[in-house]
């Protein structure tokens, strides 16, 4: 569920508590979280509702000045239903603190080794295994994802999904263009390299 910056700021300030979407199927679920540029949002409820519930008060709770503005923001099309998503601001994105940590315990490293081993259910092109991908990013900071993907003859969308899995563990950071290793990602690479030299 993508949200414009103005709405994210409103949620973080506590002024916006609901989001309305016209979906074929929900892309979030109650009890889940959403990591955004302002921090982590909590998904309190996802309810399918009739259009009669699009009131002026509902528009205000969703950050719109009028009901008409709210209605105009909803995507039209066959097979879509109206959903109300209740949201709250939970605080800082926990991945940010994780990324900043340049120290690593033995248990954390072993947990990552185990996670890397389970990363792929099917073979991937050589050089795109988790540790190799970390090295690729370390050696190519700020290089566009399409360029990195093309060098392995894989789709950009597929490549970005792999990097997001590393990012979810605090190992990479997105730049305005491309990526770089986080301090934690560099610590992981250093520890793995040190271990292979033993």
N, C-alpha and C. Protein backbone atom coordinates (compact mmCIF):
# COMPACT_ATOMS: atom_id res chain seq x y z
N UNK A 1 0.85 -1.18 0.00
CA UNK A 1 0.00 0.00 0.00
C UNK A 1 0.89 1.24 0.00
N UNK A 2 0.91 1.94 -1.12
CA UNK A 2 1.73 3.14 -1.25
C UNK A 2 0.95 4.36 -0.78
N UNK A 3 1.66 5.24 -0.07
CA UNK A 3 1.04 6.46 0.45
C UNK A 3 1.91 7.66 0.11
N UNK A 4 1.27 8.75 -0.32
CA UNK A 4 2.02 9.97 -0.61
C UNK A 4 2.57 10.55 0.69
N UNK A 5 3.66 11.33 0.54
CA UNK A 5 4.35 11.86 1.71
C UNK A 5 3.43 12.67 2.62
N UNK A 6 2.54 13.46 2.04
CA UNK A 6 1.65 14.29 2.85
C UNK A 6 0.77 13.43 3.76
N UNK A 7 0.33 12.29 3.25
CA UNK A 7 -0.50 11.40 4.06
C UNK A 7 0.34 10.69 5.12
N UNK A 8 1.57 10.31 4.76
CA UNK A 8 2.46 9.70 5.75
C UNK A 8 2.72 10.67 6.89
N UNK A 9 2.98 11.93 6.54
CA UNK A 9 3.22 12.95 7.58
C UNK A 9 1.99 13.11 8.47
N UNK A 10 0.80 13.05 7.87
CA UNK A 10 -0.43 13.17 8.64
C UNK A 10 -0.64 12.00 9.58
N UNK A 11 -0.29 10.81 9.14
CA UNK A 11 -0.41 9.63 10.00
C UNK A 11 0.57 9.73 11.16
N UNK A 12 1.81 10.14 10.85
CA UNK A 12 2.83 10.27 11.89
C UNK A 12 2.42 11.31 12.94
N UNK A 13 1.72 12.35 12.50
CA UNK A 13 1.28 13.41 13.41
C UNK A 13 0.02 13.03 14.17
N UNK A 14 -0.63 11.95 13.76
CA UNK A 14 -1.86 11.52 14.41
C UNK A 14 -3.11 12.18 13.84
N UNK A 15 -2.95 12.96 12.77
CA UNK A 15 -4.09 13.64 12.17
C UNK A 15 -4.88 12.74 11.22
N UNK A 16 -4.22 11.74 10.66
CA UNK A 16 -4.87 10.80 9.74
C UNK A 16 -4.89 9.42 10.38
N UNK A 17 -6.07 8.84 10.46
CA UNK A 17 -6.22 7.53 11.11
C UNK A 17 -6.81 6.47 10.20
N UNK A 18 -7.24 6.88 9.01
CA UNK A 18 -7.85 5.94 8.08
C UNK A 18 -7.33 6.17 6.67
N UNK A 19 -7.27 5.08 5.92
CA UNK A 19 -6.91 5.14 4.50
C UNK A 19 -8.00 4.39 3.75
N UNK A 20 -8.45 4.94 2.64
CA UNK A 20 -9.48 4.28 1.83
C UNK A 20 -8.87 3.86 0.50
N UNK A 21 -9.19 2.64 0.10
CA UNK A 21 -8.66 2.10 -1.15
C UNK A 21 -9.74 1.33 -1.90
N UNK A 22 -9.66 1.39 -3.22
CA UNK A 22 -10.51 0.58 -4.10
C UNK A 22 -9.62 -0.53 -4.66
N UNK A 23 -9.80 -1.74 -4.12
CA UNK A 23 -8.90 -2.85 -4.44
C UNK A 23 -9.66 -4.04 -5.01
N UNK A 24 -8.97 -4.81 -5.83
CA UNK A 24 -9.50 -6.12 -6.21
C UNK A 24 -9.33 -7.08 -5.04
N UNK A 25 -8.23 -6.90 -4.33
CA UNK A 25 -8.01 -7.63 -3.07
C UNK A 25 -7.06 -6.79 -2.22
N UNK A 26 -7.20 -6.85 -0.90
CA UNK A 26 -6.36 -6.02 -0.03
C UNK A 26 -4.88 -6.36 -0.17
N UNK A 27 -4.04 -5.34 -0.08
CA UNK A 27 -2.60 -5.56 -0.13
C UNK A 27 -1.96 -5.49 1.26
N UNK A 28 -2.77 -5.24 2.28
CA UNK A 28 -2.30 -5.26 3.67
C UNK A 28 -3.31 -6.05 4.49
N UNK A 29 -2.92 -6.47 5.69
CA UNK A 29 -3.85 -7.19 6.54
C UNK A 29 -3.77 -6.68 7.97
N UNK A 30 -4.86 -6.82 8.68
CA UNK A 30 -4.92 -6.36 10.07
C UNK A 30 -3.85 -7.05 10.90
N UNK A 31 -3.20 -6.26 11.75
CA UNK A 31 -2.13 -6.80 12.58
C UNK A 31 -0.76 -6.67 11.95
N UNK A 32 -0.72 -6.29 10.68
CA UNK A 32 0.56 -6.14 9.99
C UNK A 32 1.16 -4.77 10.22
N UNK A 33 2.33 -4.57 9.65
CA UNK A 33 3.01 -3.29 9.73
C UNK A 33 3.47 -2.87 8.34
N UNK A 34 3.75 -1.59 8.21
CA UNK A 34 4.22 -1.03 6.95
C UNK A 34 5.39 -0.11 7.28
N UNK A 35 6.56 -0.40 6.72
CA UNK A 35 7.72 0.45 6.94
C UNK A 35 7.76 1.52 5.86
N UNK A 36 7.81 2.78 6.30
CA UNK A 36 7.72 3.92 5.37
C UNK A 36 8.82 4.93 5.66
N UNK A 37 8.82 6.00 4.89
CA UNK A 37 9.84 7.04 5.07
C UNK A 37 9.71 7.77 6.40
N UNK A 38 8.52 7.74 7.02
CA UNK A 38 8.35 8.42 8.31
C UNK A 38 8.49 7.47 9.49
N UNK A 39 8.58 6.19 9.23
CA UNK A 39 8.68 5.19 10.29
C UNK A 39 7.72 4.04 10.04
N UNK A 40 7.44 3.30 11.08
CA UNK A 40 6.60 2.11 10.95
C UNK A 40 5.14 2.43 11.27
N UNK A 41 4.26 2.00 10.37
CA UNK A 41 2.83 2.16 10.59
C UNK A 41 2.24 0.81 10.98
N UNK A 42 1.26 0.84 11.87
CA UNK A 42 0.54 -0.37 12.25
C UNK A 42 -0.79 -0.42 11.52
N UNK A 43 -1.15 -1.60 11.02
CA UNK A 43 -2.44 -1.80 10.35
C UNK A 43 -3.40 -2.36 11.39
N UNK A 44 -4.34 -1.56 11.85
CA UNK A 44 -5.24 -1.96 12.92
C UNK A 44 -6.42 -2.77 12.41
N UNK A 45 -6.94 -2.42 11.24
CA UNK A 45 -8.10 -3.12 10.69
C UNK A 45 -8.18 -2.88 9.20
N UNK A 46 -8.69 -3.88 8.50
CA UNK A 46 -8.95 -3.76 7.05
C UNK A 46 -10.37 -4.26 6.82
N UNK A 47 -11.27 -3.34 6.49
CA UNK A 47 -12.69 -3.68 6.37
C UNK A 47 -13.24 -3.32 4.99
N UNK A 48 -13.96 -4.25 4.41
CA UNK A 48 -14.69 -3.97 3.17
C UNK A 48 -15.96 -3.22 3.56
N UNK A 49 -16.21 -2.09 2.92
CA UNK A 49 -17.33 -1.24 3.33
C UNK A 49 -18.15 -0.79 2.11
N UNK A 50 -19.42 -0.40 2.34
CA UNK A 50 -20.23 0.16 1.25
C UNK A 50 -19.84 1.62 1.01
N UNK A 51 -20.09 2.12 -0.19
CA UNK A 51 -19.73 3.50 -0.52
C UNK A 51 -20.49 4.52 0.33
N UNK A 52 -21.59 4.09 0.93
CA UNK A 52 -22.36 5.00 1.78
C UNK A 52 -21.56 5.46 2.99
N UNK A 53 -20.48 4.74 3.32
CA UNK A 53 -19.65 5.13 4.47
C UNK A 53 -18.60 6.17 4.11
N UNK A 54 -18.58 6.58 2.85
CA UNK A 54 -17.67 7.66 2.44
C UNK A 54 -18.34 9.00 2.76
N UNK A 55 -18.18 9.44 3.98
CA UNK A 55 -18.81 10.67 4.45
C UNK A 55 -17.78 11.80 4.56
N UNK A 56 -18.25 12.99 4.85
CA UNK A 56 -17.34 14.12 5.06
C UNK A 56 -16.41 13.85 6.24
N UNK A 57 -16.96 13.23 7.28
CA UNK A 57 -16.14 12.90 8.45
C UNK A 57 -15.08 11.85 8.10
N UNK A 58 -15.46 10.86 7.28
CA UNK A 58 -14.50 9.85 6.84
C UNK A 58 -13.38 10.51 6.04
N UNK A 59 -13.75 11.46 5.19
CA UNK A 59 -12.75 12.18 4.39
C UNK A 59 -11.77 12.91 5.30
N UNK A 60 -12.28 13.55 6.34
CA UNK A 60 -11.41 14.27 7.27
C UNK A 60 -10.43 13.32 7.95
N UNK A 61 -10.93 12.15 8.39
CA UNK A 61 -10.06 11.18 9.05
C UNK A 61 -8.98 10.64 8.10
N UNK A 62 -9.27 10.71 6.79
CA UNK A 62 -8.32 10.21 5.79
C UNK A 62 -7.43 11.31 5.22
N UNK A 63 -7.58 12.54 5.74
CA UNK A 63 -6.70 13.62 5.32
C UNK A 63 -7.18 14.43 4.13
N UNK A 64 -8.46 14.31 3.78
CA UNK A 64 -9.02 15.07 2.67
C UNK A 64 -9.91 16.19 3.20
N UNK A 65 -9.96 17.29 2.45
CA UNK A 65 -10.78 18.43 2.86
C UNK A 65 -12.26 18.18 2.63
N UNK A 66 -12.57 17.41 1.59
CA UNK A 66 -13.97 17.16 1.25
C UNK A 66 -14.19 15.69 0.89
N UNK A 67 -15.45 15.30 0.95
CA UNK A 67 -15.82 13.94 0.52
C UNK A 67 -15.50 13.75 -0.96
N UNK A 68 -15.72 14.78 -1.77
CA UNK A 68 -15.47 14.69 -3.21
C UNK A 68 -14.01 14.38 -3.50
N UNK A 69 -13.11 14.99 -2.74
CA UNK A 69 -11.67 14.73 -2.93
C UNK A 69 -11.34 13.28 -2.62
N UNK A 70 -11.94 12.76 -1.56
CA UNK A 70 -11.72 11.35 -1.20
C UNK A 70 -12.23 10.44 -2.30
N UNK A 71 -13.44 10.68 -2.76
CA UNK A 71 -14.03 9.85 -3.82
C UNK A 71 -13.17 9.90 -5.08
N UNK A 72 -12.68 11.09 -5.44
CA UNK A 72 -11.86 11.25 -6.64
C UNK A 72 -10.53 10.50 -6.53
N UNK A 73 -10.07 10.27 -5.30
CA UNK A 73 -8.77 9.59 -5.11
C UNK A 73 -8.85 8.09 -5.31
N UNK A 74 -10.07 7.55 -5.36
CA UNK A 74 -10.25 6.10 -5.43
C UNK A 74 -10.21 5.61 -6.87
N UNK A 75 -9.48 4.54 -7.08
CA UNK A 75 -9.35 3.96 -8.42
C UNK A 75 -10.64 3.27 -8.83
N UNK A 76 -11.06 3.52 -10.04
CA UNK A 76 -12.27 2.88 -10.56
C UNK A 76 -11.89 1.65 -11.39
N UNK A 77 -12.86 0.77 -11.60
CA UNK A 77 -12.59 -0.39 -12.45
C UNK A 77 -13.42 -1.58 -12.05
N UNK A 78 -13.51 -2.52 -12.97
CA UNK A 78 -14.27 -3.75 -12.74
C UNK A 78 -13.63 -4.58 -11.63
N UNK A 79 -14.48 -5.21 -10.84
CA UNK A 79 -14.01 -6.17 -9.85
C UNK A 79 -13.36 -5.56 -8.63
N UNK A 80 -13.51 -4.25 -8.44
CA UNK A 80 -12.91 -3.59 -7.28
C UNK A 80 -13.95 -3.38 -6.18
N UNK A 81 -13.46 -3.46 -4.93
CA UNK A 81 -14.31 -3.20 -3.76
C UNK A 81 -13.68 -2.10 -2.94
N UNK A 82 -14.49 -1.44 -2.14
CA UNK A 82 -14.02 -0.35 -1.30
C UNK A 82 -13.58 -0.89 0.06
N UNK A 83 -12.39 -0.48 0.49
CA UNK A 83 -11.85 -0.91 1.79
C UNK A 83 -11.45 0.30 2.62
N UNK A 84 -11.70 0.18 3.92
CA UNK A 84 -11.21 1.16 4.89
C UNK A 84 -10.09 0.50 5.69
N UNK A 85 -8.94 1.15 5.72
CA UNK A 85 -7.79 0.64 6.47
C UNK A 85 -7.54 1.58 7.64
N UNK A 86 -7.65 1.06 8.84
CA UNK A 86 -7.35 1.89 10.02
C UNK A 86 -5.86 1.73 10.34
N UNK A 87 -5.20 2.87 10.51
CA UNK A 87 -3.74 2.87 10.69
C UNK A 87 -3.34 3.67 11.92
N UNK A 88 -2.14 3.37 12.41
CA UNK A 88 -1.56 4.15 13.50
C UNK A 88 -0.05 4.25 13.27
N UNK A 89 0.55 5.29 13.82
CA UNK A 89 2.00 5.45 13.75
C UNK A 89 2.61 4.70 14.94
N UNK A 90 3.50 3.76 14.65
CA UNK A 90 4.08 2.95 15.72
C UNK A 90 5.43 3.48 16.19
N UNK A 91 6.14 4.20 15.33
CA UNK A 91 7.44 4.73 15.72
C UNK A 91 8.47 4.53 14.62
N UNK A 92 9.72 4.62 15.01
CA UNK A 92 10.81 4.51 14.04
C UNK A 92 10.82 3.13 13.38
N UNK A 93 11.24 3.10 12.13
CA UNK A 93 11.40 1.85 11.40
C UNK A 93 12.51 1.05 12.08
N UNK A 94 12.22 -0.14 12.63
CA UNK A 94 13.24 -0.90 13.36
C UNK A 94 14.43 -1.28 12.50
N UNK A 95 14.26 -1.31 11.18
CA UNK A 95 15.39 -1.66 10.31
C UNK A 95 16.46 -0.58 10.33
N UNK A 96 16.05 0.67 10.61
CA UNK A 96 17.02 1.77 10.60
C UNK A 96 18.05 1.55 11.70
N UNK A 97 17.59 1.26 12.92
CA UNK A 97 18.52 1.00 14.01
C UNK A 97 19.37 -0.22 13.72
N UNK A 98 18.75 -1.24 13.16
CA UNK A 98 19.48 -2.46 12.82
C UNK A 98 20.59 -2.15 11.83
N UNK A 99 20.29 -1.36 10.80
CA UNK A 99 21.29 -1.02 9.78
C UNK A 99 22.47 -0.26 10.36
N UNK A 100 22.18 0.58 11.37
CA UNK A 100 23.24 1.43 11.93
C UNK A 100 24.21 0.65 12.80
N UNK A 101 23.80 -0.53 13.23
CA UNK A 101 24.64 -1.31 14.13
C UNK A 101 25.79 -1.95 13.36
N UNK A 102 27.01 -1.51 13.67
CA UNK A 102 28.18 -2.07 12.99
C UNK A 102 28.79 -3.23 13.74
N UNK A 103 28.16 -3.64 14.84
CA UNK A 103 28.68 -4.77 15.60
C UNK A 103 27.74 -5.95 15.44
N UNK A 104 28.30 -7.14 15.61
CA UNK A 104 27.55 -8.36 15.33
C UNK A 104 27.97 -9.42 16.33
N UNK A 105 27.00 -10.08 16.95
CA UNK A 105 27.33 -11.17 17.86
C UNK A 105 27.47 -12.47 17.07
N UNK A 106 28.08 -13.45 17.70
CA UNK A 106 28.23 -14.76 17.05
C UNK A 106 26.86 -15.34 16.71
N UNK A 107 25.91 -15.22 17.65
CA UNK A 107 24.57 -15.78 17.42
C UNK A 107 23.87 -15.08 16.25
N UNK A 108 24.05 -13.76 16.14
CA UNK A 108 23.44 -13.03 15.03
C UNK A 108 24.02 -13.47 13.69
N UNK A 109 25.34 -13.68 13.67
CA UNK A 109 25.98 -14.12 12.44
C UNK A 109 25.50 -15.52 12.05
N UNK A 110 25.38 -16.40 13.02
CA UNK A 110 24.92 -17.76 12.74
C UNK A 110 23.47 -17.75 12.26
N UNK A 111 22.66 -16.86 12.84
CA UNK A 111 21.27 -16.77 12.41
C UNK A 111 21.20 -16.30 10.96
N UNK A 112 22.07 -15.36 10.59
CA UNK A 112 22.10 -14.89 9.21
C UNK A 112 22.61 -15.96 8.26
N UNK A 113 23.62 -16.72 8.69
CA UNK A 113 24.10 -17.84 7.86
C UNK A 113 22.96 -18.80 7.57
N UNK A 114 22.19 -19.11 8.61
CA UNK A 114 21.06 -20.03 8.45
C UNK A 114 20.01 -19.44 7.51
N UNK A 115 19.73 -18.15 7.68
CA UNK A 115 18.75 -17.49 6.81
C UNK A 115 19.21 -17.48 5.36
N UNK A 116 20.49 -17.20 5.15
CA UNK A 116 21.04 -17.19 3.79
C UNK A 116 20.91 -18.56 3.13
N UNK A 117 21.12 -19.61 3.92
CA UNK A 117 21.04 -20.97 3.38
C UNK A 117 19.62 -21.30 2.91
N UNK A 118 18.63 -20.63 3.52
CA UNK A 118 17.23 -20.89 3.16
C UNK A 118 16.67 -19.84 2.20
N UNK A 119 17.52 -18.94 1.76
CA UNK A 119 17.09 -17.80 0.95
C UNK A 119 16.40 -18.23 -0.33
N UNK A 120 16.91 -19.26 -0.94
CA UNK A 120 16.42 -19.65 -2.26
C UNK A 120 15.94 -21.08 -2.29
N UNK A 121 14.73 -21.26 -2.79
CA UNK A 121 14.20 -22.61 -2.96
C UNK A 121 14.61 -23.17 -4.31
N UNK A 122 14.95 -22.28 -5.22
CA UNK A 122 15.39 -22.70 -6.55
C UNK A 122 16.75 -22.06 -6.84
N UNK A 123 17.53 -22.67 -7.73
CA UNK A 123 18.85 -22.12 -8.05
C UNK A 123 18.74 -20.69 -8.60
N UNK A 124 19.73 -19.89 -8.30
CA UNK A 124 19.79 -18.52 -8.82
C UNK A 124 21.07 -18.37 -9.63
N UNK A 125 21.14 -17.36 -10.49
CA UNK A 125 22.37 -17.17 -11.27
C UNK A 125 23.58 -16.99 -10.36
N UNK A 126 24.72 -17.58 -10.72
CA UNK A 126 25.93 -17.39 -9.92
C UNK A 126 26.23 -15.91 -9.75
N UNK A 127 26.61 -15.54 -8.54
CA UNK A 127 26.90 -14.14 -8.25
C UNK A 127 25.74 -13.40 -7.63
N UNK A 128 24.57 -14.06 -7.54
CA UNK A 128 23.41 -13.42 -6.92
C UNK A 128 22.95 -14.15 -5.67
N UNK A 129 23.76 -15.08 -5.18
CA UNK A 129 23.48 -15.68 -3.87
C UNK A 129 23.60 -14.55 -2.84
N UNK A 130 23.00 -14.72 -1.65
CA UNK A 130 22.96 -13.61 -0.69
C UNK A 130 24.30 -12.96 -0.39
N UNK A 131 25.33 -13.76 -0.07
CA UNK A 131 26.62 -13.17 0.29
C UNK A 131 27.27 -12.53 -0.94
N UNK A 132 27.15 -13.19 -2.09
CA UNK A 132 27.71 -12.63 -3.32
C UNK A 132 27.01 -11.31 -3.67
N UNK A 133 25.72 -11.24 -3.40
CA UNK A 133 24.97 -10.01 -3.67
C UNK A 133 25.43 -8.88 -2.75
N UNK A 134 25.71 -9.21 -1.50
CA UNK A 134 26.27 -8.21 -0.59
C UNK A 134 27.59 -7.67 -1.13
N UNK A 135 28.44 -8.57 -1.62
CA UNK A 135 29.73 -8.15 -2.18
C UNK A 135 29.53 -7.27 -3.42
N UNK A 136 28.58 -7.66 -4.24
CA UNK A 136 28.29 -6.88 -5.45
C UNK A 136 27.91 -5.45 -5.09
N UNK A 137 27.05 -5.30 -4.09
CA UNK A 137 26.61 -3.97 -3.67
C UNK A 137 27.77 -3.20 -3.04
N UNK A 138 28.60 -3.90 -2.26
CA UNK A 138 29.76 -3.26 -1.64
C UNK A 138 30.71 -2.71 -2.70
N UNK A 139 30.84 -3.43 -3.80
CA UNK A 139 31.78 -3.03 -4.86
C UNK A 139 31.17 -2.05 -5.85
N UNK A 140 29.85 -1.87 -5.79
CA UNK A 140 29.16 -1.00 -6.76
C UNK A 140 28.16 -0.06 -6.09
N UNK A 141 28.59 0.71 -5.10
CA UNK A 141 27.64 1.60 -4.43
C UNK A 141 27.11 2.65 -5.40
N UNK A 142 25.81 2.90 -5.33
CA UNK A 142 25.22 3.95 -6.16
C UNK A 142 24.99 3.58 -7.61
N UNK A 143 25.23 2.32 -7.97
CA UNK A 143 24.98 1.89 -9.35
C UNK A 143 23.50 1.54 -9.49
N UNK A 144 22.89 1.97 -10.58
CA UNK A 144 21.45 1.74 -10.80
C UNK A 144 21.12 0.26 -10.78
N UNK A 145 19.97 -0.07 -10.16
CA UNK A 145 19.52 -1.46 -10.11
C UNK A 145 19.37 -2.07 -11.50
N UNK A 146 18.81 -1.34 -12.50
CA UNK A 146 18.71 -1.94 -13.83
C UNK A 146 20.06 -2.32 -14.42
N UNK A 147 21.09 -1.51 -14.12
CA UNK A 147 22.43 -1.82 -14.64
C UNK A 147 23.01 -3.06 -13.96
N UNK A 148 22.83 -3.16 -12.66
CA UNK A 148 23.31 -4.35 -11.94
C UNK A 148 22.56 -5.59 -12.41
N UNK A 149 21.25 -5.46 -12.58
CA UNK A 149 20.44 -6.59 -13.03
C UNK A 149 20.85 -7.03 -14.43
N UNK A 150 21.08 -6.06 -15.31
CA UNK A 150 21.45 -6.38 -16.70
C UNK A 150 22.78 -7.12 -16.77
N UNK A 151 23.68 -6.82 -15.84
CA UNK A 151 24.99 -7.49 -15.87
C UNK A 151 24.87 -8.98 -15.56
N UNK A 152 23.74 -9.38 -14.99
CA UNK A 152 23.49 -10.80 -14.71
C UNK A 152 22.37 -11.36 -15.58
N UNK A 153 21.88 -10.52 -16.51
CA UNK A 153 20.82 -10.93 -17.42
C UNK A 153 19.57 -11.39 -16.67
N UNK A 154 19.20 -10.62 -15.63
CA UNK A 154 17.97 -10.90 -14.88
C UNK A 154 17.09 -9.66 -14.91
N UNK A 155 15.80 -9.84 -14.63
CA UNK A 155 14.87 -8.71 -14.63
C UNK A 155 15.15 -7.79 -13.44
N UNK A 156 14.99 -6.50 -13.67
CA UNK A 156 15.21 -5.52 -12.61
C UNK A 156 14.29 -5.77 -11.42
N UNK A 157 13.03 -6.09 -11.69
CA UNK A 157 12.06 -6.34 -10.62
C UNK A 157 12.53 -7.49 -9.74
N UNK A 158 13.01 -8.55 -10.35
CA UNK A 158 13.50 -9.72 -9.60
C UNK A 158 14.72 -9.34 -8.78
N UNK A 159 15.63 -8.56 -9.37
CA UNK A 159 16.84 -8.14 -8.68
C UNK A 159 16.50 -7.28 -7.46
N UNK A 160 15.60 -6.32 -7.66
CA UNK A 160 15.22 -5.44 -6.55
C UNK A 160 14.58 -6.23 -5.40
N UNK A 161 13.81 -7.25 -5.73
CA UNK A 161 13.18 -8.07 -4.69
C UNK A 161 14.24 -8.76 -3.85
N UNK A 162 15.32 -9.21 -4.48
CA UNK A 162 16.41 -9.86 -3.72
C UNK A 162 17.08 -8.86 -2.79
N UNK A 163 17.32 -7.66 -3.30
CA UNK A 163 17.97 -6.64 -2.46
C UNK A 163 17.06 -6.26 -1.30
N UNK A 164 15.74 -6.20 -1.54
CA UNK A 164 14.80 -5.88 -0.45
C UNK A 164 14.87 -6.91 0.67
N UNK A 165 15.12 -8.16 0.32
CA UNK A 165 15.23 -9.19 1.36
C UNK A 165 16.46 -8.95 2.23
N UNK A 166 17.53 -8.47 1.63
CA UNK A 166 18.72 -8.11 2.42
C UNK A 166 18.44 -6.86 3.25
N UNK A 167 17.73 -5.91 2.65
CA UNK A 167 17.40 -4.67 3.35
C UNK A 167 16.53 -4.94 4.57
N UNK A 168 15.62 -5.91 4.45
CA UNK A 168 14.72 -6.22 5.56
C UNK A 168 15.49 -6.74 6.77
N UNK A 169 16.71 -7.21 6.54
CA UNK A 169 17.56 -7.68 7.63
C UNK A 169 18.60 -6.63 8.03
N UNK A 170 18.42 -5.41 7.51
CA UNK A 170 19.29 -4.31 7.91
C UNK A 170 20.66 -4.34 7.27
N UNK A 171 20.81 -5.02 6.13
CA UNK A 171 22.14 -5.21 5.54
C UNK A 171 22.46 -4.23 4.42
N UNK A 172 21.44 -3.63 3.82
CA UNK A 172 21.67 -2.67 2.74
C UNK A 172 20.85 -1.41 2.97
N UNK A 173 21.23 -0.36 2.27
CA UNK A 173 20.49 0.90 2.32
C UNK A 173 20.23 1.36 0.89
N UNK A 174 19.05 1.91 0.66
CA UNK A 174 18.74 2.48 -0.65
C UNK A 174 19.25 3.90 -0.72
N UNK A 175 19.91 4.23 -1.82
CA UNK A 175 20.36 5.59 -2.08
C UNK A 175 19.39 6.24 -3.07
N UNK A 176 19.61 7.51 -3.36
CA UNK A 176 18.77 8.16 -4.37
C UNK A 176 18.87 7.39 -5.69
N UNK A 177 20.07 6.91 -5.96
CA UNK A 177 20.29 5.99 -7.09
C UNK A 177 21.09 4.81 -6.57
N UNK A 178 20.57 3.62 -6.73
CA UNK A 178 21.31 2.42 -6.33
C UNK A 178 21.27 2.13 -4.84
N UNK A 179 22.26 1.37 -4.40
CA UNK A 179 22.31 0.89 -3.01
C UNK A 179 23.72 1.03 -2.46
N UNK A 180 23.83 0.79 -1.17
CA UNK A 180 25.13 0.62 -0.52
C UNK A 180 24.93 -0.31 0.66
N UNK A 181 26.03 -0.87 1.16
CA UNK A 181 25.93 -1.68 2.36
C UNK A 181 25.71 -0.78 3.56
N UNK A 182 24.93 -1.25 4.51
CA UNK A 182 24.79 -0.56 5.79
C UNK A 182 26.00 -0.94 6.64
N UNK A 183 26.23 -0.23 7.75
CA UNK A 183 27.30 -0.66 8.66
C UNK A 183 27.13 -2.12 9.08
N UNK A 184 25.89 -2.54 9.29
CA UNK A 184 25.65 -3.95 9.66
C UNK A 184 26.01 -4.88 8.51
N UNK A 185 25.65 -4.50 7.29
CA UNK A 185 26.00 -5.32 6.13
C UNK A 185 27.49 -5.47 5.97
N UNK A 186 28.23 -4.37 6.18
CA UNK A 186 29.69 -4.43 6.09
C UNK A 186 30.26 -5.31 7.19
N UNK A 187 29.66 -5.23 8.40
CA UNK A 187 30.12 -6.07 9.51
C UNK A 187 29.91 -7.55 9.19
N UNK A 188 28.79 -7.86 8.53
CA UNK A 188 28.52 -9.25 8.15
C UNK A 188 29.55 -9.73 7.14
N UNK A 189 29.81 -8.92 6.11
CA UNK A 189 30.82 -9.31 5.11
C UNK A 189 32.19 -9.49 5.75
N UNK A 190 32.57 -8.55 6.61
CA UNK A 190 33.88 -8.65 7.28
C UNK A 190 33.97 -9.92 8.10
N UNK A 191 32.91 -10.24 8.84
CA UNK A 191 32.91 -11.44 9.69
C UNK A 191 32.98 -12.71 8.84
N UNK A 192 32.25 -12.73 7.74
CA UNK A 192 32.27 -13.91 6.86
C UNK A 192 33.63 -14.07 6.20
N UNK A 193 34.24 -12.95 5.79
CA UNK A 193 35.57 -13.01 5.17
C UNK A 193 36.61 -13.46 6.18
N UNK A 194 36.47 -12.97 7.40
CA UNK A 194 37.41 -13.36 8.47
C UNK A 194 37.29 -14.85 8.76
N UNK A 195 36.03 -15.34 8.77
CA UNK A 195 35.81 -16.76 9.02
C UNK A 195 36.37 -17.64 7.94
N UNK A 196 36.27 -17.18 6.67
CA UNK A 196 36.78 -17.99 5.56
C UNK A 196 38.29 -18.00 5.52
N UNK A 197 38.91 -17.02 6.21
CA UNK A 197 40.38 -16.96 6.22
C UNK A 197 40.97 -17.81 7.33
N UNK A 198 40.11 -18.27 8.26
CA UNK A 198 40.62 -19.08 9.38
C UNK A 198 41.09 -20.45 8.91
